[in-house]
Amino acid sequence: MSKYFELTKHLANLDAETWETTFDQVEAVLGIPLPESARKHRPWWANQGHAQSSAWLGAGYKTANVDLPHEKVTFVYVGDGVDREVRQPAKLTIAEAKAGLAANFGVSVEAVEITVRG
């Protein structure tokens, strides 16, 4: 699960078309600090294929009006509104993960090894 999943849930549960917020408020939703690059580089907030943008895009929002000096951002709803509920991703067993990887890479399940480090 992405470390930005809490932001996806928060946005999906909003009853608003826009959310004007501060970086501190985003951190409060996430429960973790934003990386330094979020405060220094406008492209971090771009609406394209990164883990963080997948969080807001997955809830049907895009970023707008990123104000780095004042550490503010506006999320604007652009989705169709049909189903804004976001569900927690299902957890896989090791066997299910191995089967999925084997199918994806076209190898036998026996050829897949998974190492869990903790």
Protein backbone atom coordinates (compact mmCIF):
# COMPACT_ATOMS: atom_id res chain seq x y z
CA MET A 1 0.00 0.00 0.00
CA SER A 2 1.27 3.48 -0.83
CA LYS A 3 2.40 5.74 1.98
CA TYR A 4 0.02 8.31 0.44
CA PHE A 5 -3.08 6.10 0.74
CA GLU A 6 -4.47 8.15 3.66
CA LEU A 7 -4.58 11.16 1.33
CA THR A 8 -6.56 9.14 -1.22
CA LYS A 9 -9.08 8.16 1.46
CA HIS A 10 -9.34 11.71 2.76
CA LEU A 11 -9.99 13.20 -0.66
CA ALA A 12 -12.45 10.48 -1.63
CA ASN A 13 -14.49 11.21 1.48
CA LEU A 14 -14.65 14.97 0.94
CA ASP A 15 -18.02 16.48 0.17
CA ALA A 16 -16.38 19.33 -1.71
CA GLU A 17 -15.24 20.02 -5.23
CA THR A 18 -12.12 21.78 -3.95
CA TRP A 19 -9.89 21.46 -0.93
CA GLU A 20 -7.63 24.45 -0.31
CA THR A 21 -5.11 23.28 2.24
CA THR A 22 -1.66 23.76 3.68
CA PHE A 23 1.24 21.37 3.45
CA ASP A 24 0.96 20.92 7.24
CA GLN A 25 -2.66 19.80 6.86
CA VAL A 26 -1.65 17.31 4.16
CA GLU A 27 0.99 15.95 6.54
CA ALA A 28 -1.64 15.64 9.29
CA VAL A 29 -3.82 13.56 6.96
CA LEU A 30 -0.88 11.40 5.89
CA GLY A 31 0.50 10.95 9.38
CA ILE A 32 4.01 11.42 7.98
CA PRO A 33 6.05 14.44 6.88
CA LEU A 34 6.15 15.44 3.25
CA PRO A 35 9.55 15.06 1.62
CA GLU A 36 11.70 18.18 1.28
CA SER A 37 11.10 18.12 -2.48
CA ALA A 38 7.38 18.81 -1.88
CA ARG A 39 8.32 22.11 -0.26
CA LYS A 40 11.01 23.07 -2.76
CA HIS A 41 9.97 21.80 -6.19
CA ARG A 42 6.67 22.54 -7.92
CA PRO A 43 6.92 19.37 -10.09
CA TRP A 44 6.45 17.23 -6.97
CA TRP A 45 2.79 18.35 -7.08
CA ALA A 46 2.39 17.61 -10.81
CA ASN A 47 -0.59 15.51 -11.87
CA GLN A 48 1.40 12.69 -13.42
CA GLY A 49 2.48 9.14 -12.65
CA HIS A 50 4.26 9.36 -9.31
CA ALA A 51 3.21 7.69 -6.06
CA GLN A 52 2.00 10.96 -4.57
CA SER A 53 0.00 12.03 -7.63
CA SER A 54 -1.58 8.59 -7.83
CA ALA A 55 -3.00 9.34 -4.37
CA TRP A 56 -5.01 12.36 -5.45
CA LEU A 57 -5.70 11.19 -9.00
CA GLY A 58 -7.05 7.92 -7.59
CA ALA A 59 -9.65 9.92 -5.66
CA GLY A 60 -10.61 11.93 -8.75
CA TYR A 61 -8.70 15.10 -7.84
CA LYS A 62 -5.97 17.15 -9.49
CA THR A 63 -3.70 19.72 -7.92
CA ALA A 64 -4.02 23.41 -8.76
CA ASN A 65 -2.64 26.65 -7.37
CA VAL A 66 0.47 25.23 -5.75
CA ASP A 67 1.95 28.02 -3.64
CA LEU A 68 5.41 26.93 -2.49
CA PRO A 69 6.32 30.13 -0.57
CA HIS A 70 3.14 29.90 1.54
CA GLU A 71 3.08 26.08 1.51
CA LYS A 72 -0.46 25.80 0.18
CA VAL A 73 -2.11 23.63 -2.47
CA THR A 74 -5.61 23.31 -3.87
CA PHE A 75 -7.06 19.94 -4.88
CA VAL A 76 -9.86 20.20 -7.46
CA TYR A 77 -12.29 17.34 -8.09
CA VAL A 78 -12.33 16.31 -11.76
CA GLY A 79 -13.81 12.82 -11.44
CA ASP A 80 -17.24 11.67 -12.51
CA GLY A 81 -18.56 11.27 -8.96
CA VAL A 82 -20.04 7.83 -9.61
CA ASP A 83 -18.19 5.95 -6.86
CA ARG A 84 -15.98 8.05 -4.62
CA GLU A 85 -15.52 5.31 -2.04
CA VAL A 86 -11.94 4.11 -1.82
CA ARG A 87 -11.36 0.68 -0.40
CA GLN A 88 -8.23 -0.57 1.27
CA PRO A 89 -6.32 -2.81 -1.12
CA ALA A 90 -6.80 -6.50 -0.41
CA LYS A 91 -3.89 -8.24 1.26
CA LEU A 92 -2.39 -11.17 -0.61
CA THR A 93 -1.02 -14.35 0.81
CA ILE A 94 2.48 -15.34 -0.27
CA ALA A 95 0.96 -18.08 -2.46
CA GLU A 96 -1.35 -15.57 -4.16
CA ALA A 97 1.51 -13.14 -4.70
CA LYS A 98 3.69 -15.87 -6.19
CA ALA A 99 0.87 -17.00 -8.50
CA GLY A 100 0.28 -13.42 -9.66
CA LEU A 101 3.97 -12.79 -10.29
CA ALA A 102 4.34 -16.08 -12.13
CA ALA A 103 1.40 -15.26 -14.39
CA ASN A 104 2.66 -11.74 -14.99
CA PHE A 105 6.17 -12.85 -15.93
CA GLY A 106 5.18 -16.06 -17.72
CA VAL A 107 7.09 -18.42 -15.44
CA SER A 108 6.08 -21.29 -13.20
CA VAL A 109 5.09 -20.61 -9.60
CA GLU A 110 8.08 -22.70 -8.51
CA ALA A 111 10.40 -20.24 -10.28
CA VAL A 112 9.18 -17.34 -8.11
CA GLU A 113 10.99 -16.64 -4.86
CA ILE A 114 9.81 -13.99 -2.42
CA THR A 115 12.03 -12.64 0.34
CA VAL A 116 10.44 -10.73 3.19
CA ARG A 117 12.77 -8.44 5.10
CA GLY A 118 11.62 -6.75 8.22
